[in-house]
Amino acid sequence: MAGIVYIVIYTLYHHVYKLALEIQKGLEASGVQTKIYQVQETLSDEILQKMHASPKPDLPVITVQELTEPDGILFGFPTRFGTMPAQVKTLLDATGKLWATGALSGKFAGTFFSTSSQHGGQETTALTTVTYFAHHGMIYIPFGFAHTALFDNSEVVGGSPYGAGTIANGDGSRQPTEKELSIARTQGENFGKIVSTYVHGAHAFTPMAATTTTTSMSS
């Protein structure tokens, strides 16, 4: 039985979207089923035009109820002063009913992100999101230093122990590098392996399987 992982993003200039596509490749390589969603935009078309925002990717908009469907969710978004943008907060702030019913408890969660500079929130953006996961009882999976590029000091490389990342410059002119895209693929694969292992284990440990094991030990 394959696990299911949703990738939920907000992207303004497609930097996060490009990371999401690589994360999806890693998830698929791990054997889980995956789908990319975007959150609802809250800015008007007029403001987006003045910001020179890219057209939205052709992705379905996630609903609060759909957050309950997968075994794990990877959230990706650009930073806003070291925390999540209002568009993502709007979605998560609407999950009160899910919190009250424990609908997200036990699901896996991860983060990836984009900042304008290397000191613009590659860690705090994730840390300030973990509070939502904690209140919902979700299991946060950090990335760690699971890719050699995170040890590379010869150039600017996005990402942190909390997840894949890219650095966009204030005007969005810098694009994700191959190292950053590779980090994203690795995060997806590692996250998928954990979810898949858990799902396979939970499926194997059915009441019948438990009864069989007890009987074998007794005999």
C-alpha atoms as a PDB file:
ATOM      1  CA  MET A   1       0.000   0.000   0.000  1.00  0.00           C
ATOM      2  CA  ALA A   2       1.599   3.267  -1.174  1.00  0.00           C
ATOM      3  CA  GLY A   3       1.473   6.356   0.976  1.00  0.00           C
ATOM      4  CA  ILE A   4       0.003   9.646  -0.235  1.00  0.00           C
ATOM      5  CA  VAL A   5       1.788  12.989   0.063  1.00  0.00           C
ATOM      6  CA  TYR A   6       0.391  16.368  -0.952  1.00  0.00           C
ATOM      7  CA  ILE A   7       2.658  19.286  -1.814  1.00  0.00           C
ATOM      8  CA  VAL A   8       0.916  22.542  -0.880  1.00  0.00           C
ATOM      9  CA  ILE A   9       2.530  25.745  -2.139  1.00  0.00           C
ATOM     10  CA  TYR A  10       2.190  29.461  -2.521  1.00  0.00           C
ATOM     11  CA  THR A  11       4.333  30.862  -5.286  1.00  0.00           C
ATOM     12  CA  LEU A  12       4.617  34.389  -6.648  1.00  0.00           C
ATOM     13  CA  TYR A  13       7.494  34.162  -9.122  1.00  0.00           C
ATOM     14  CA  HIS A  14       7.554  30.338  -9.530  1.00  0.00           C
ATOM     15  CA  HIS A  15      10.690  29.760  -7.458  1.00  0.00           C
ATOM     16  CA  VAL A  16       8.753  27.661  -4.957  1.00  0.00           C
ATOM     17  CA  TYR A  17       6.894  25.946  -7.793  1.00  0.00           C
ATOM     18  CA  LYS A  18      10.196  24.874  -9.359  1.00  0.00           C
ATOM     19  CA  LEU A  19      11.316  23.416  -6.049  1.00  0.00           C
ATOM     20  CA  ALA A  20       7.956  21.658  -5.713  1.00  0.00           C
ATOM     21  CA  LEU A  21       8.376  19.956  -9.074  1.00  0.00           C
ATOM     22  CA  GLU A  22      11.730  18.542  -7.951  1.00  0.00           C
ATOM     23  CA  ILE A  23      10.321  17.478  -4.604  1.00  0.00           C
ATOM     24  CA  GLN A  24       7.555  15.687  -6.489  1.00  0.00           C
ATOM     25  CA  LYS A  25      10.178  13.770  -8.478  1.00  0.00           C
ATOM     26  CA  GLY A  26      11.822  12.664  -5.253  1.00  0.00           C
ATOM     27  CA  LEU A  27       8.510  11.605  -3.747  1.00  0.00           C
ATOM     28  CA  GLU A  28       7.635   9.579  -6.826  1.00  0.00           C
ATOM     29  CA  ALA A  29      11.057   7.922  -6.729  1.00  0.00           C
ATOM     30  CA  SER A  30      10.286   6.777  -3.180  1.00  0.00           C
ATOM     31  CA  GLY A  31       7.105   5.085  -4.359  1.00  0.00           C
ATOM     32  CA  VAL A  32       4.451   7.318  -2.802  1.00  0.00           C
ATOM     33  CA  GLN A  33       1.545   8.908  -4.630  1.00  0.00           C
ATOM     34  CA  THR A  34       1.773  12.679  -4.797  1.00  0.00           C
ATOM     35  CA  LYS A  35      -0.107  15.732  -6.001  1.00  0.00           C
ATOM     36  CA  ILE A  36       0.750  19.446  -6.007  1.00  0.00           C
ATOM     37  CA  TYR A  37      -1.782  22.038  -4.826  1.00  0.00           C
ATOM     38  CA  GLN A  38      -1.602  25.787  -4.436  1.00  0.00           C
ATOM     39  CA  VAL A  39      -3.279  27.947  -1.804  1.00  0.00           C
ATOM     40  CA  GLN A  40      -5.878  30.555  -2.617  1.00  0.00           C
ATOM     41  CA  GLU A  41      -4.470  33.924  -3.643  1.00  0.00           C
ATOM     42  CA  THR A  42      -5.614  36.828  -1.472  1.00  0.00           C
ATOM     43  CA  LEU A  43      -4.100  39.698  -3.451  1.00  0.00           C
ATOM     44  CA  SER A  44      -6.051  41.424  -6.194  1.00  0.00           C
ATOM     45  CA  ASP A  45      -5.060  41.135  -9.839  1.00  0.00           C
ATOM     46  CA  GLU A  46      -4.180  44.834  -9.783  1.00  0.00           C
ATOM     47  CA  ILE A  47      -1.681  44.412  -6.970  1.00  0.00           C
ATOM     48  CA  LEU A  48      -0.213  41.261  -8.516  1.00  0.00           C
ATOM     49  CA  GLN A  49       0.290  43.141 -11.763  1.00  0.00           C
ATOM     50  CA  LYS A  50       2.108  45.960  -9.968  1.00  0.00           C
ATOM     51  CA  MET A  51       4.324  43.345  -8.303  1.00  0.00           C
ATOM     52  CA  HIS A  52       5.100  41.844 -11.735  1.00  0.00           C
ATOM     53  CA  ALA A  53       3.961  38.480 -10.413  1.00  0.00           C
ATOM     54  CA  SER A  54       4.139  35.479 -12.728  1.00  0.00           C
ATOM     55  CA  PRO A  55       0.901  33.840 -13.884  1.00  0.00           C
ATOM     56  CA  LYS A  56      -0.281  31.238 -11.410  1.00  0.00           C
ATOM     57  CA  PRO A  57       0.739  27.657 -12.242  1.00  0.00           C
ATOM     58  CA  ASP A  58      -1.990  25.344 -13.488  1.00  0.00           C
ATOM     59  CA  LEU A  59      -2.631  23.701 -10.132  1.00  0.00           C
ATOM     60  CA  PRO A  60      -5.799  23.016  -8.142  1.00  0.00           C
ATOM     61  CA  VAL A  61      -6.447  25.213  -5.118  1.00  0.00           C
ATOM     62  CA  ILE A  62      -6.356  23.236  -1.873  1.00  0.00           C
ATOM     63  CA  THR A  63      -9.345  23.286   0.470  1.00  0.00           C
ATOM     64  CA  VAL A  64      -9.147  22.896   4.224  1.00  0.00           C
ATOM     65  CA  GLN A  65     -10.919  19.535   4.085  1.00  0.00           C
ATOM     66  CA  GLU A  66      -8.477  18.182   1.488  1.00  0.00           C
ATOM     67  CA  LEU A  67      -5.680  18.556   4.045  1.00  0.00           C
ATOM     68  CA  THR A  68      -7.116  15.485   5.774  1.00  0.00           C
ATOM     69  CA  GLU A  69      -6.662  13.190   2.752  1.00  0.00           C
ATOM     70  CA  PRO A  70      -2.906  12.461   2.521  1.00  0.00           C
ATOM     71  CA  ASP A  71      -0.560  10.710   4.915  1.00  0.00           C
ATOM     72  CA  GLY A  72       1.848  13.639   4.743  1.00  0.00           C
ATOM     73  CA  ILE A  73       2.027  17.237   3.519  1.00  0.00           C
ATOM     74  CA  LEU A  74       5.017  19.249   2.363  1.00  0.00           C
ATOM     75  CA  PHE A  75       4.341  22.979   2.570  1.00  0.00           C
ATOM     76  CA  GLY A  76       6.361  25.332   0.358  1.00  0.00           C
ATOM     77  CA  PHE A  77       6.214  29.122   0.308  1.00  0.00           C
ATOM     78  CA  PRO A  78       8.273  32.310   0.160  1.00  0.00           C
ATOM     79  CA  THR A  79       9.131  34.046   3.407  1.00  0.00           C
ATOM     80  CA  ARG A  80       7.519  37.225   4.662  1.00  0.00           C
ATOM     81  CA  PHE A  81       9.829  38.784   7.255  1.00  0.00           C
ATOM     82  CA  GLY A  82      10.964  35.367   8.437  1.00  0.00           C
ATOM     83  CA  THR A  83       7.557  33.719   8.548  1.00  0.00           C
ATOM     84  CA  MET A  84       4.883  32.374   6.206  1.00  0.00           C
ATOM     85  CA  PRO A  85       2.973  34.648   3.812  1.00  0.00           C
ATOM     86  CA  ALA A  86      -0.595  35.687   4.612  1.00  0.00           C
ATOM     87  CA  GLN A  87      -1.986  33.405   1.895  1.00  0.00           C
ATOM     88  CA  VAL A  88      -0.701  30.296   3.679  1.00  0.00           C
ATOM     89  CA  LYS A  89      -1.664  31.637   7.098  1.00  0.00           C
ATOM     90  CA  THR A  90      -5.205  32.179   5.824  1.00  0.00           C
ATOM     91  CA  LEU A  91      -5.424  28.487   4.948  1.00  0.00           C
ATOM     92  CA  LEU A  92      -3.927  27.250   8.214  1.00  0.00           C
ATOM     93  CA  ASP A  93      -5.935  29.674  10.351  1.00  0.00           C
ATOM     94  CA  ALA A  94      -9.079  28.081   8.894  1.00  0.00           C
ATOM     95  CA  THR A  95      -8.180  24.620  10.238  1.00  0.00           C
ATOM     96  CA  GLY A  96      -9.831  25.096  13.611  1.00  0.00           C
ATOM     97  CA  LYS A  97     -12.383  22.339  13.017  1.00  0.00           C
ATOM     98  CA  LEU A  98      -9.626  19.950  11.974  1.00  0.00           C
ATOM     99  CA  TRP A  99      -7.763  20.791  15.179  1.00  0.00           C
ATOM    100  CA  ALA A 100     -10.890  20.262  17.302  1.00  0.00           C
ATOM    101  CA  THR A 101     -11.466  16.831  15.785  1.00  0.00           C
ATOM    102  CA  GLY A 102      -7.812  15.769  15.606  1.00  0.00           C
ATOM    103  CA  ALA A 103      -8.154  15.278  11.851  1.00  0.00           C
ATOM    104  CA  LEU A 104      -4.482  16.072  11.152  1.00  0.00           C
ATOM    105  CA  SER A 105      -3.025  14.334  14.191  1.00  0.00           C
ATOM    106  CA  GLY A 106      -0.380  11.773  13.272  1.00  0.00           C
ATOM    107  CA  LYS A 107       0.106  13.045   9.730  1.00  0.00           C
ATOM    108  CA  PHE A 108       3.620  13.898   8.574  1.00  0.00           C
ATOM    109  CA  ALA A 109       4.632  17.464   7.696  1.00  0.00           C
ATOM    110  CA  GLY A 110       7.622  19.163   6.126  1.00  0.00           C
ATOM    111  CA  THR A 111       8.631  22.563   4.785  1.00  0.00           C
ATOM    112  CA  PHE A 112      10.577  24.181   1.968  1.00  0.00           C
ATOM    113  CA  PHE A 113      10.908  27.826   1.132  1.00  0.00           C
ATOM    114  CA  SER A 114      12.248  30.758  -0.863  1.00  0.00           C
ATOM    115  CA  THR A 115      13.854  33.934   0.454  1.00  0.00           C
ATOM    116  CA  SER A 116      15.198  37.054  -1.203  1.00  0.00           C
ATOM    117  CA  SER A 117      18.626  36.732   0.447  1.00  0.00           C
ATOM    118  CA  GLN A 118      20.671  34.015   2.131  1.00  0.00           C
ATOM    119  CA  HIS A 119      19.910  35.596   5.523  1.00  0.00           C
ATOM    120  CA  GLY A 120      16.249  36.251   4.806  1.00  0.00           C
ATOM    121  CA  GLY A 121      14.633  33.384   6.692  1.00  0.00           C
ATOM    122  CA  GLN A 122      15.927  30.024   5.466  1.00  0.00           C
ATOM    123  CA  GLU A 123      15.438  28.695   9.009  1.00  0.00           C
ATOM    124  CA  THR A 124      12.950  30.988  10.770  1.00  0.00           C
ATOM    125  CA  THR A 125      10.352  30.536   8.026  1.00  0.00           C
ATOM    126  CA  ALA A 126      10.188  26.863   8.918  1.00  0.00           C
ATOM    127  CA  LEU A 127      10.498  27.363  12.675  1.00  0.00           C
ATOM    128  CA  THR A 128       7.556  29.766  12.794  1.00  0.00           C
ATOM    129  CA  THR A 129       5.451  27.226  10.908  1.00  0.00           C
ATOM    130  CA  VAL A 130       6.173  24.341  13.253  1.00  0.00           C
ATOM    131  CA  THR A 131       3.763  25.791  15.834  1.00  0.00           C
ATOM    132  CA  TYR A 132       0.836  24.857  13.575  1.00  0.00           C
ATOM    133  CA  PHE A 133       2.126  21.300  13.251  1.00  0.00           C
ATOM    134  CA  ALA A 134       2.582  21.031  17.016  1.00  0.00           C
ATOM    135  CA  HIS A 135      -0.944  22.195  17.791  1.00  0.00           C
ATOM    136  CA  HIS A 136      -2.373  19.739  15.269  1.00  0.00           C
ATOM    137  CA  GLY A 137      -0.253  16.866  16.562  1.00  0.00           C
ATOM    138  CA  MET A 138       1.451  16.461  13.198  1.00  0.00           C
ATOM    139  CA  ILE A 139       4.864  14.801  12.945  1.00  0.00           C
ATOM    140  CA  TYR A 140       7.409  17.285  11.602  1.00  0.00           C
ATOM    141  CA  ILE A 141      10.193  15.785   9.482  1.00  0.00           C
ATOM    142  CA  PRO A 142      13.243  18.077   9.213  1.00  0.00           C
ATOM    143  CA  PHE A 143      15.627  17.596   6.318  1.00  0.00           C
ATOM    144  CA  GLY A 144      18.809  17.609   8.344  1.00  0.00           C
ATOM    145  CA  PHE A 145      22.111  17.884   6.464  1.00  0.00           C
ATOM    146  CA  ALA A 146      21.078  15.102   4.104  1.00  0.00           C
ATOM    147  CA  HIS A 147      22.709  16.660   1.050  1.00  0.00           C
ATOM    148  CA  THR A 148      26.371  17.541   0.593  1.00  0.00           C
ATOM    149  CA  ALA A 149      25.478  20.904  -0.984  1.00  0.00           C
ATOM    150  CA  LEU A 150      24.417  22.161   2.437  1.00  0.00           C
ATOM    151  CA  PHE A 151      28.087  21.965   3.458  1.00  0.00           C
ATOM    152  CA  ASP A 152      29.195  23.962   0.398  1.00  0.00           C
ATOM    153  CA  ASN A 153      30.647  27.354   1.325  1.00  0.00           C
ATOM    154  CA  SER A 154      32.042  28.130  -2.130  1.00  0.00           C
ATOM    155  CA  GLU A 155      28.776  29.738  -3.277  1.00  0.00           C
ATOM    156  CA  VAL A 156      25.383  30.822  -2.005  1.00  0.00           C
ATOM    157  CA  VAL A 157      23.150  27.756  -1.645  1.00  0.00           C
ATOM    158  CA  GLY A 158      19.583  27.856  -0.396  1.00  0.00           C
ATOM    159  CA  GLY A 159      18.201  25.320   2.026  1.00  0.00           C
ATOM    160  CA  SER A 160      18.711  24.435   5.668  1.00  0.00           C
ATOM    161  CA  PRO A 161      18.226  21.520   8.083  1.00  0.00           C
ATOM    162  CA  TYR A 162      14.540  22.422   7.959  1.00  0.00           C
ATOM    163  CA  GLY A 163      14.085  21.858   4.245  1.00  0.00           C
ATOM    164  CA  ALA A 164      15.009  22.733   0.695  1.00  0.00           C
ATOM    165  CA  GLY A 165      15.218  26.372  -0.229  1.00  0.00           C
ATOM    166  CA  THR A 166      16.233  28.836  -2.868  1.00  0.00           C
ATOM    167  CA  ILE A 167      17.280  32.470  -2.905  1.00  0.00           C
ATOM    168  CA  ALA A 168      15.414  34.654  -5.366  1.00  0.00           C
ATOM    169  CA  ASN A 169      16.863  38.160  -4.915  1.00  0.00           C
ATOM    170  CA  GLY A 170      14.436  40.932  -4.076  1.00  0.00           C
ATOM    171  CA  ASP A 171      13.239  41.208  -7.670  1.00  0.00           C
ATOM    172  CA  GLY A 172      12.986  37.461  -8.300  1.00  0.00           C
ATOM    173  CA  SER A 173      15.841  37.556 -10.817  1.00  0.00           C
ATOM    174  CA  ARG A 174      17.849  34.684  -9.321  1.00  0.00           C
ATOM    175  CA  GLN A 175      16.542  31.229 -10.265  1.00  0.00           C
ATOM    176  CA  PRO A 176      16.974  27.993  -8.312  1.00  0.00           C
ATOM    177  CA  THR A 177      20.386  26.479  -8.993  1.00  0.00           C
ATOM    178  CA  GLU A 178      21.004  22.830  -9.816  1.00  0.00           C
ATOM    179  CA  LYS A 179      22.303  22.287  -6.295  1.00  0.00           C
ATOM    180  CA  GLU A 180      19.112  23.720  -4.808  1.00  0.00           C
ATOM    181  CA  LEU A 181      16.948  21.632  -7.119  1.00  0.00           C
ATOM    182  CA  SER A 182      18.960  18.544  -6.188  1.00  0.00           C
ATOM    183  CA  ILE A 183      18.423  19.279  -2.496  1.00  0.00           C
ATOM    184  CA  ALA A 184      14.690  19.496  -3.188  1.00  0.00           C
ATOM    185  CA  ARG A 185      14.673  16.112  -4.940  1.00  0.00           C
ATOM    186  CA  THR A 186      16.517  14.572  -2.013  1.00  0.00           C
ATOM    187  CA  GLN A 187      14.076  16.056   0.475  1.00  0.00           C
ATOM    188  CA  GLY A 188      11.161  14.625  -1.470  1.00  0.00           C
ATOM    189  CA  GLU A 189      12.743  11.183  -1.630  1.00  0.00           C
ATOM    190  CA  ASN A 190      13.669  11.136   2.062  1.00  0.00           C
ATOM    191  CA  PHE A 191      10.239  12.378   3.133  1.00  0.00           C
ATOM    192  CA  GLY A 192       8.538   9.841   0.895  1.00  0.00           C
ATOM    193  CA  LYS A 193      10.584   6.949   2.302  1.00  0.00           C
ATOM    194  CA  ILE A 194       9.565   7.827   5.844  1.00  0.00           C
ATOM    195  CA  VAL A 195       5.895   8.128   4.946  1.00  0.00           C
ATOM    196  CA  SER A 196       6.004   4.925   2.900  1.00  0.00           C
ATOM    197  CA  THR A 197       7.694   2.980   5.697  1.00  0.00           C
ATOM    198  CA  TYR A 198       5.096   4.151   8.192  1.00  0.00           C
ATOM    199  CA  VAL A 199       2.146   3.372   5.913  1.00  0.00           C
ATOM    200  CA  HIS A 200       3.465  -0.090   5.073  1.00  0.00           C
ATOM    201  CA  GLY A 201       4.070  -0.802   8.748  1.00  0.00           C
ATOM    202  CA  ALA A 202       0.655   0.426   9.813  1.00  0.00           C
ATOM    203  CA  HIS A 203      -1.004  -1.609   7.082  1.00  0.00           C
ATOM    204  CA  ALA A 204       0.908  -4.739   8.067  1.00  0.00           C
ATOM    205  CA  PHE A 205       0.001  -4.374  11.728  1.00  0.00           C
ATOM    206  CA  THR A 206      -3.698  -5.142  11.335  1.00  0.00           C
ATOM    207  CA  PRO A 207      -5.719  -6.806  14.111  1.00  0.00           C
ATOM    208  CA  MET A 208      -5.448 -10.109  12.237  1.00  0.00           C
ATOM    209  CA  ALA A 209      -1.687  -9.739  11.904  1.00  0.00           C
ATOM    210  CA  ALA A 210      -1.437  -8.961  15.598  1.00  0.00           C
ATOM    211  CA  THR A 211      -3.528 -12.014  16.459  1.00  0.00           C
ATOM    212  CA  THR A 212      -1.337 -14.237  14.275  1.00  0.00           C
ATOM    213  CA  THR A 213       1.785 -12.897  15.958  1.00  0.00           C
ATOM    214  CA  THR A 214       0.361 -13.486  19.435  1.00  0.00           C
ATOM    215  CA  THR A 215      -0.681 -17.022  18.535  1.00  0.00           C
ATOM    216  CA  SER A 216       2.770 -17.813  17.150  1.00  0.00           C
ATOM    217  CA  MET A 217       4.458 -16.536  20.304  1.00  0.00           C
ATOM    218  CA  SER A 218       2.080 -18.550  22.513  1.00  0.00           C
ATOM    219  CA  SER A 219       2.740 -21.764  20.649  1.00  0.00           C
END
